[in-house]
C-alpha atoms as a PDB file:
ATOM      1  CA  MET A   1      79.653 134.825  80.233  1.00  0.00           C
ATOM      2  CA  PRO A   2      77.150 132.221  78.986  1.00  0.00           C
ATOM      3  CA  LYS A   3      77.767 128.588  79.735  1.00  0.00           C
ATOM      4  CA  ARG A   4      78.928 126.559  76.721  1.00  0.00           C
ATOM      5  CA  VAL A   5      76.845 123.467  76.036  1.00  0.00           C
ATOM      6  CA  ALA A   6      78.444 120.527  74.285  1.00  0.00           C
ATOM      7  CA  PRO A   7      76.719 119.380  71.202  1.00  0.00           C
ATOM      8  CA  SER A   8      74.526 116.368  71.619  1.00  0.00           C
ATOM      9  CA  THR A   9      75.945 113.051  70.459  1.00  0.00           C
ATOM     10  CA  ALA A  10      72.623 111.326  70.627  1.00  0.00           C
ATOM     11  CA  LYS A  11      71.240 110.026  67.386  1.00  0.00           C
ATOM     12  CA  PRO A  12      67.918 111.452  66.262  1.00  0.00           C
ATOM     13  CA  VAL A  13      64.992 109.230  66.945  1.00  0.00           C
ATOM     14  CA  ASP A  14      63.420 107.701  63.758  1.00  0.00           C
ATOM     15  CA  PRO A  15      59.647 107.292  64.569  1.00  0.00           C
ATOM     16  CA  LEU A  16      59.202 104.788  61.735  1.00  0.00           C
ATOM     17  CA  ARG A  17      62.072 102.590  63.043  1.00  0.00           C
ATOM     18  CA  THR A  18      60.812 102.882  66.669  1.00  0.00           C
ATOM     19  CA  SER A  19      57.359 101.861  65.546  1.00  0.00           C
ATOM     20  CA  VAL A  20      58.675  98.722  63.878  1.00  0.00           C
ATOM     21  CA  LEU A  21      60.895  97.884  66.936  1.00  0.00           C
ATOM     22  CA  ARG A  22      57.955  98.471  69.291  1.00  0.00           C
ATOM     23  CA  ARG A  23      55.922  95.859  67.234  1.00  0.00           C
ATOM     24  CA  ASP A  24      58.903  93.480  67.579  1.00  0.00           C
ATOM     25  CA  VAL A  25      58.881  93.941  71.358  1.00  0.00           C
ATOM     26  CA  LEU A  26      55.146  93.201  71.524  1.00  0.00           C
ATOM     27  CA  ALA A  27      55.536  90.128  69.371  1.00  0.00           C
ATOM     28  CA  ALA A  28      58.400  88.894  71.568  1.00  0.00           C
ATOM     29  CA  LEU A  29      56.315  89.595  74.694  1.00  0.00           C
ATOM     30  CA  ASP A  30      53.449  87.610  73.191  1.00  0.00           C
ATOM     31  CA  GLU A  31      55.766  84.655  72.669  1.00  0.00           C
ATOM     32  CA  LEU A  32      57.159  84.946  76.159  1.00  0.00           C
ATOM     33  CA  ASP A  33      53.619  84.943  77.582  1.00  0.00           C
ATOM     34  CA  ALA A  34      52.643  81.905  75.537  1.00  0.00           C
ATOM     35  CA  ALA A  35      55.814  80.029  76.498  1.00  0.00           C
ATOM     36  CA  THR A  36      55.340  80.700  80.151  1.00  0.00           C
ATOM     37  CA  GLU A  37      51.706  79.755  79.925  1.00  0.00           C
ATOM     38  CA  GLU A  38      52.585  76.390  78.371  1.00  0.00           C
ATOM     39  CA  SER A  39      55.302  75.816  80.970  1.00  0.00           C
ATOM     40  CA  GLY A  40      52.849  76.643  83.773  1.00  0.00           C
ATOM     41  CA  ARG A  41      50.367  74.029  82.499  1.00  0.00           C
ATOM     42  CA  LEU A  42      53.095  71.508  82.247  1.00  0.00           C
ATOM     43  CA  PHE A  43      54.314  72.129  85.758  1.00  0.00           C
ATOM     44  CA  VAL A  44      50.712  71.803  87.071  1.00  0.00           C
ATOM     45  CA  ARG A  45      50.445  68.458  85.267  1.00  0.00           C
ATOM     46  CA  LEU A  46      53.775  67.330  86.764  1.00  0.00           C
ATOM     47  CA  ARG A  47      52.671  68.424  90.277  1.00  0.00           C
ATOM     48  CA  THR A  48      49.437  66.394  89.904  1.00  0.00           C
ATOM     49  CA  GLN A  49      51.476  63.378  88.866  1.00  0.00           C
ATOM     50  CA  ALA A  50      53.728  63.781  91.825  1.00  0.00           C
ATOM     51  CA  HIS A  51      50.709  63.944  94.166  1.00  0.00           C
ATOM     52  CA  GLN A  52      49.398  60.749  92.618  1.00  0.00           C
ATOM     53  CA  LEU A  53      52.777  59.015  92.969  1.00  0.00           C
ATOM     54  CA  ARG A  54      53.268  59.867  96.582  1.00  0.00           C
ATOM     55  CA  PRO A  55      50.771  57.429  98.112  1.00  0.00           C
ATOM     56  CA  GLN A  56      51.902  54.650  95.810  1.00  0.00           C
ATOM     57  CA  ILE A  57      55.495  55.132  96.891  1.00  0.00           C
ATOM     58  CA  GLU A  58      54.517  55.293 100.498  1.00  0.00           C
ATOM     59  CA  ARG A  59      52.715  51.965 100.034  1.00  0.00           C
ATOM     60  CA  GLU A  60      55.959  50.551  98.696  1.00  0.00           C
ATOM     61  CA  ALA A  61      54.871  50.011  95.189  1.00  0.00           C
ATOM     62  CA  LYS A  62      57.554  48.955  92.802  1.00  0.00           C
ATOM     63  CA  VAL A  63      59.259  52.049  91.423  1.00  0.00           C
ATOM     64  CA  SER A  64      59.866  50.483  87.950  1.00  0.00           C
ATOM     65  CA  ASP A  65      56.086  49.909  87.654  1.00  0.00           C
ATOM     66  CA  LEU A  66      55.429  53.595  88.584  1.00  0.00           C
ATOM     67  CA  THR A  67      57.903  55.096  86.167  1.00  0.00           C
ATOM     68  CA  HIS A  68      56.228  53.221  83.228  1.00  0.00           C
ATOM     69  CA  SER A  69      52.771  54.298  84.394  1.00  0.00           C
ATOM     70  CA  VAL A  70      53.566  57.943  84.515  1.00  0.00           C
ATOM     71  CA  ARG A  71      55.918  57.890  81.455  1.00  0.00           C
ATOM     72  CA  ILE A  72      58.717  59.736  83.246  1.00  0.00           C
ATOM     73  CA  SER A  73      60.835  60.059  80.059  1.00  0.00           C
ATOM     74  CA  ASP A  74      57.997  61.850  78.227  1.00  0.00           C
ATOM     75  CA  CYS A  75      57.743  64.253  81.143  1.00  0.00           C
ATOM     76  CA  ARG A  76      61.548  64.945  81.117  1.00  0.00           C
ATOM     77  CA  GLY A  77      61.472  65.785  77.362  1.00  0.00           C
ATOM     78  CA  ALA A  78      58.357  67.977  77.698  1.00  0.00           C
ATOM     79  CA  VAL A  79      59.941  69.907  80.599  1.00  0.00           C
ATOM     80  CA  SER A  80      63.222  70.389  78.717  1.00  0.00           C
ATOM     81  CA  GLN A  81      61.400  71.615  75.650  1.00  0.00           C
ATOM     82  CA  ALA A  82      59.119  74.014  77.530  1.00  0.00           C
ATOM     83  CA  LEU A  83      62.111  75.541  79.407  1.00  0.00           C
ATOM     84  CA  THR A  84      64.131  75.880  76.186  1.00  0.00           C
ATOM     85  CA  ARG A  85      61.161  77.761  74.677  1.00  0.00           C
ATOM     86  CA  VAL A  86      60.796  80.013  77.691  1.00  0.00           C
ATOM     87  CA  GLU A  87      64.558  80.849  77.569  1.00  0.00           C
ATOM     88  CA  LYS A  88      64.525  81.529  73.884  1.00  0.00           C
ATOM     89  CA  ALA A  89      61.393  83.763  74.304  1.00  0.00           C
ATOM     90  CA  ARG A  90      63.044  85.605  77.199  1.00  0.00           C
ATOM     91  CA  HIS A  91      66.180  86.292  75.109  1.00  0.00           C
ATOM     92  CA  GLN A  92      64.170  87.448  72.154  1.00  0.00           C
ATOM     93  CA  PHE A  93      62.172  89.846  74.356  1.00  0.00           C
ATOM     94  CA  GLN A  94      65.331  91.265  75.909  1.00  0.00           C
ATOM     95  CA  ARG A  95      66.954  91.735  72.520  1.00  0.00           C
ATOM     96  CA  ALA A  96      63.854  93.523  71.195  1.00  0.00           C
ATOM     97  CA  MET A  97      63.806  95.768  74.307  1.00  0.00           C
ATOM     98  CA  PHE A  98      67.494  96.643  73.983  1.00  0.00           C
ATOM     99  CA  ARG A  99      67.085  97.503  70.275  1.00  0.00           C
ATOM    100  CA  LEU A 100      64.097  99.696  70.958  1.00  0.00           C
ATOM    101  CA  ALA A 101      65.806 101.459  73.855  1.00  0.00           C
ATOM    102  CA  ALA A 102      68.886 102.111  71.594  1.00  0.00           C
ATOM    103  CA  ALA A 103      66.648 103.466  68.818  1.00  0.00           C
ATOM    104  CA  GLU A 104      65.013 105.788  71.378  1.00  0.00           C
ATOM    105  CA  GLY A 105      68.369 107.210  72.236  1.00  0.00           C
ATOM    106  CA  SER A 106      69.541 105.253  75.214  1.00  0.00           C
ATOM    107  CA  SER A 107      73.283 104.472  75.329  1.00  0.00           C
ATOM    108  CA  LEU A 108      74.329 100.780  75.618  1.00  0.00           C
ATOM    109  CA  ALA A 109      75.712 101.563  78.897  1.00  0.00           C
ATOM    110  CA  ASP A 110      72.495 103.038  80.187  1.00  0.00           C
ATOM    111  CA  ILE A 111      70.598  99.906  78.944  1.00  0.00           C
ATOM    112  CA  ALA A 112      73.140  97.637  80.559  1.00  0.00           C
ATOM    113  CA  ARG A 113      72.882  99.507  83.935  1.00  0.00           C
ATOM    114  CA  ALA A 114      69.088  99.318  83.780  1.00  0.00           C
ATOM    115  CA  TRP A 115      69.031  95.460  83.104  1.00  0.00           C
ATOM    116  CA  GLY A 116      72.000  94.767  85.449  1.00  0.00           C
ATOM    117  CA  ILE A 117      74.207  93.259  82.681  1.00  0.00           C
ATOM    118  CA  SER A 118      77.403  94.208  80.946  1.00  0.00           C
ATOM    119  CA  ARG A 119      77.513  96.779  78.167  1.00  0.00           C
ATOM    120  CA  GLN A 120      79.301  94.207  76.029  1.00  0.00           C
ATOM    121  CA  LEU A 121      76.375  91.772  76.341  1.00  0.00           C
ATOM    122  CA  VAL A 122      73.986  94.529  75.322  1.00  0.00           C
ATOM    123  CA  SER A 123      76.106  95.361  72.311  1.00  0.00           C
ATOM    124  CA  ARG A 124      76.346  91.652  71.283  1.00  0.00           C
ATOM    125  CA  MET A 125      72.582  91.158  71.644  1.00  0.00           C
ATOM    126  CA  THR A 126      71.555  94.273  69.699  1.00  0.00           C
ATOM    127  CA  LYS A 127      73.793  93.072  66.832  1.00  0.00           C
ATOM    128  CA  GLU A 128      72.303  89.552  66.692  1.00  0.00           C
ATOM    129  CA  PRO A 129      70.383  88.810  63.566  1.00  0.00           C
ATOM    130  CA  GLY A 130      66.581  88.236  63.913  1.00  0.00           C
END
């Protein structure tokens, strides 16, 4: 007796939709690349400043004078902005990847397992506007 095969519940793949979603993934990847590049440059600059401060601190220079000379508050703001941009770009990239995977027929559970997160989080992210 032939084995019965359950009908497929997978949605058919729409090549036009996946093409648009693939472009979204590439745009998100470009933004993530730019954000991490900017953050990298900022961290190199911070490292350079730290190396310049070290000998002055060792020579017991007055800390209040040093903080004004390197503009610590500007550094803090720049780091915070750069990290926020990286986190936003990472989130957009993940969301775009989840949407593309779903459009290609992956279940939300499969996507969640692949990324090591909950199915509920994948569901919420795929429904986000943008």
